[in-house]
Structures are given as structure tokens and as C-alpha cells.
């Protein structure tokens, strides 16, 4: 039986994790190795959030553009 796919993180999940990383980095309880690992994870999450926001913005623009005629929602290719 195939393993179920890992759920895709939502924007909100990614943002909450970024907040936790920031709290940890600001607490001065991290070793240098932990700091680097958290920093790398934070950069990846930042890109994920940025990409999700850009996709949402494009979808909103597409919806608004089509409000002059019929409402049409198109999937944006990633």
C-alpha cells in the first residue's frame, strides 16, 4: 500500500513556523549549528510564503479582470 502524501503546508502553517523560528533565534538559546539550521529553514519558509502570496495576488487579479464579464476563475500554473 503506498504511503499517503505529506500534506502541503498552508501559508498560515508556514508563517506560524517562521514566527517560532524567529522567537527561538531571538532567545539566545541556540547553538551556532542550530542557528544556521533555523536560518536555512526560515529562508525556505520565506520563499514558500512569498510564492503563495504571489499566486494569490495573480488569482485575485484574474478574478477582478473578469468581473467585467462573467466570473471566471482560472488555475494559475506554478
C-alpha atoms as a PDB file:
ATOM      1  CA  UNK A   1       0.000   0.000   0.000  1.00  0.00           C
ATOM      2  CA  UNK A   2       1.512   3.396  -0.987  1.00  0.00           C
ATOM      3  CA  UNK A   3       2.258   5.923   1.707  1.00  0.00           C
ATOM      4  CA  UNK A   4      -0.089   8.894   1.837  1.00  0.00           C
ATOM      5  CA  UNK A   5       1.402  12.092   0.502  1.00  0.00           C
ATOM      6  CA  UNK A   6       2.674  14.584   3.050  1.00  0.00           C
ATOM      7  CA  UNK A   7       0.177  17.456   3.233  1.00  0.00           C
ATOM      8  CA  UNK A   8       1.275  20.690   1.642  1.00  0.00           C
ATOM      9  CA  UNK A   9       1.904  23.433   4.173  1.00  0.00           C
ATOM     10  CA  UNK A  10      -0.547  26.267   4.059  1.00  0.00           C
ATOM     11  CA  UNK A  11       0.577  29.869   4.108  1.00  0.00           C
ATOM     12  CA  UNK A  12      -0.628  30.091   7.694  1.00  0.00           C
ATOM     13  CA  UNK A  13       1.333  26.997   8.767  1.00  0.00           C
ATOM     14  CA  UNK A  14       4.492  28.298   7.140  1.00  0.00           C
ATOM     15  CA  UNK A  15       4.057  31.735   8.690  1.00  0.00           C
ATOM     16  CA  UNK A  16       3.494  30.281  12.176  1.00  0.00           C
ATOM     17  CA  UNK A  17       6.645  28.204  11.825  1.00  0.00           C
ATOM     18  CA  UNK A  18       8.558  31.327  10.767  1.00  0.00           C
ATOM     19  CA  UNK A  19       7.333  33.088  13.909  1.00  0.00           C
ATOM     20  CA  UNK A  20       8.533  30.184  16.073  1.00  0.00           C
ATOM     21  CA  UNK A  21      11.922  30.218  14.364  1.00  0.00           C
ATOM     22  CA  UNK A  22      12.243  33.945  14.987  1.00  0.00           C
ATOM     23  CA  UNK A  23      11.343  33.538  18.668  1.00  0.00           C
ATOM     24  CA  UNK A  24      13.941  30.797  19.019  1.00  0.00           C
ATOM     25  CA  UNK A  25      16.635  32.847  17.288  1.00  0.00           C
ATOM     26  CA  UNK A  26      15.878  35.875  19.460  1.00  0.00           C
ATOM     27  CA  UNK A  27      16.020  33.839  22.672  1.00  0.00           C
ATOM     28  CA  UNK A  28      19.815  33.353  22.573  1.00  0.00           C
ATOM     29  CA  UNK A  29      19.276  29.671  23.435  1.00  0.00           C
ATOM     30  CA  UNK A  30      20.641  28.401  20.125  1.00  0.00           C
ATOM     31  CA  UNK A  31      23.994  26.947  19.345  1.00  0.00           C
ATOM     32  CA  UNK A  32      25.717  28.113  16.187  1.00  0.00           C
ATOM     33  CA  UNK A  33      24.689  24.934  14.361  1.00  0.00           C
ATOM     34  CA  UNK A  34      21.048  25.340  15.456  1.00  0.00           C
ATOM     35  CA  UNK A  35      21.110  28.974  14.369  1.00  0.00           C
ATOM     36  CA  UNK A  36      22.346  28.078  10.906  1.00  0.00           C
ATOM     37  CA  UNK A  37      19.792  25.264  10.554  1.00  0.00           C
ATOM     38  CA  UNK A  38      16.944  27.519  11.682  1.00  0.00           C
ATOM     39  CA  UNK A  39      18.126  30.303   9.376  1.00  0.00           C
ATOM     40  CA  UNK A  40      18.124  27.935   6.385  1.00  0.00           C
ATOM     41  CA  UNK A  41      14.653  26.664   7.261  1.00  0.00           C
ATOM     42  CA  UNK A  42      13.450  30.245   7.676  1.00  0.00           C
ATOM     43  CA  UNK A  43      14.714  31.196   4.226  1.00  0.00           C
ATOM     44  CA  UNK A  44      12.884  28.249   2.646  1.00  0.00           C
ATOM     45  CA  UNK A  45       9.683  29.123   4.501  1.00  0.00           C
ATOM     46  CA  UNK A  46      10.021  32.774   3.486  1.00  0.00           C
ATOM     47  CA  UNK A  47      10.212  31.732  -0.162  1.00  0.00           C
ATOM     48  CA  UNK A  48       7.206  29.451   0.288  1.00  0.00           C
ATOM     49  CA  UNK A  49       5.161  32.287   1.819  1.00  0.00           C
ATOM     50  CA  UNK A  50       6.272  34.732  -0.860  1.00  0.00           C
ATOM     51  CA  UNK A  51       5.326  32.307  -3.645  1.00  0.00           C
ATOM     52  CA  UNK A  52       1.911  31.616  -2.098  1.00  0.00           C
ATOM     53  CA  UNK A  53       1.216  35.357  -1.755  1.00  0.00           C
ATOM     54  CA  UNK A  54       2.208  35.977  -5.374  1.00  0.00           C
ATOM     55  CA  UNK A  55      -0.043  33.152  -6.564  1.00  0.00           C
ATOM     56  CA  UNK A  56      -2.946  34.537  -4.527  1.00  0.00           C
ATOM     57  CA  UNK A  57      -2.358  38.013  -5.944  1.00  0.00           C
ATOM     58  CA  UNK A  58      -2.391  36.682  -9.504  1.00  0.00           C
ATOM     59  CA  UNK A  59      -5.625  34.792  -8.867  1.00  0.00           C
ATOM     60  CA  UNK A  60      -7.274  37.905  -7.405  1.00  0.00           C
ATOM     61  CA  UNK A  61      -6.168  39.991 -10.393  1.00  0.00           C
ATOM     62  CA  UNK A  62      -7.558  37.372 -12.774  1.00  0.00           C
ATOM     63  CA  UNK A  63     -10.881  37.301 -10.920  1.00  0.00           C
ATOM     64  CA  UNK A  64     -11.132  41.098 -10.898  1.00  0.00           C
ATOM     65  CA  UNK A  65     -10.204  41.326 -14.558  1.00  0.00           C
ATOM     66  CA  UNK A  66     -13.059  39.004 -15.450  1.00  0.00           C
ATOM     67  CA  UNK A  67     -15.674  40.750 -13.294  1.00  0.00           C
ATOM     68  CA  UNK A  68     -16.479  42.997 -16.237  1.00  0.00           C
ATOM     69  CA  UNK A  69     -17.939  39.977 -17.953  1.00  0.00           C
ATOM     70  CA  UNK A  70     -18.662  36.620 -16.463  1.00  0.00           C
ATOM     71  CA  UNK A  71     -16.913  35.466 -13.338  1.00  0.00           C
ATOM     72  CA  UNK A  72     -14.157  33.150 -14.453  1.00  0.00           C
ATOM     73  CA  UNK A  73     -11.613  31.573 -12.158  1.00  0.00           C
ATOM     74  CA  UNK A  74      -8.570  30.051 -13.775  1.00  0.00           C
ATOM     75  CA  UNK A  75      -5.949  27.908 -12.145  1.00  0.00           C
ATOM     76  CA  UNK A  76      -2.565  29.594 -12.194  1.00  0.00           C
ATOM     77  CA  UNK A  77       0.278  27.339 -13.259  1.00  0.00           C
ATOM     78  CA  UNK A  78       3.010  27.186 -10.659  1.00  0.00           C
END
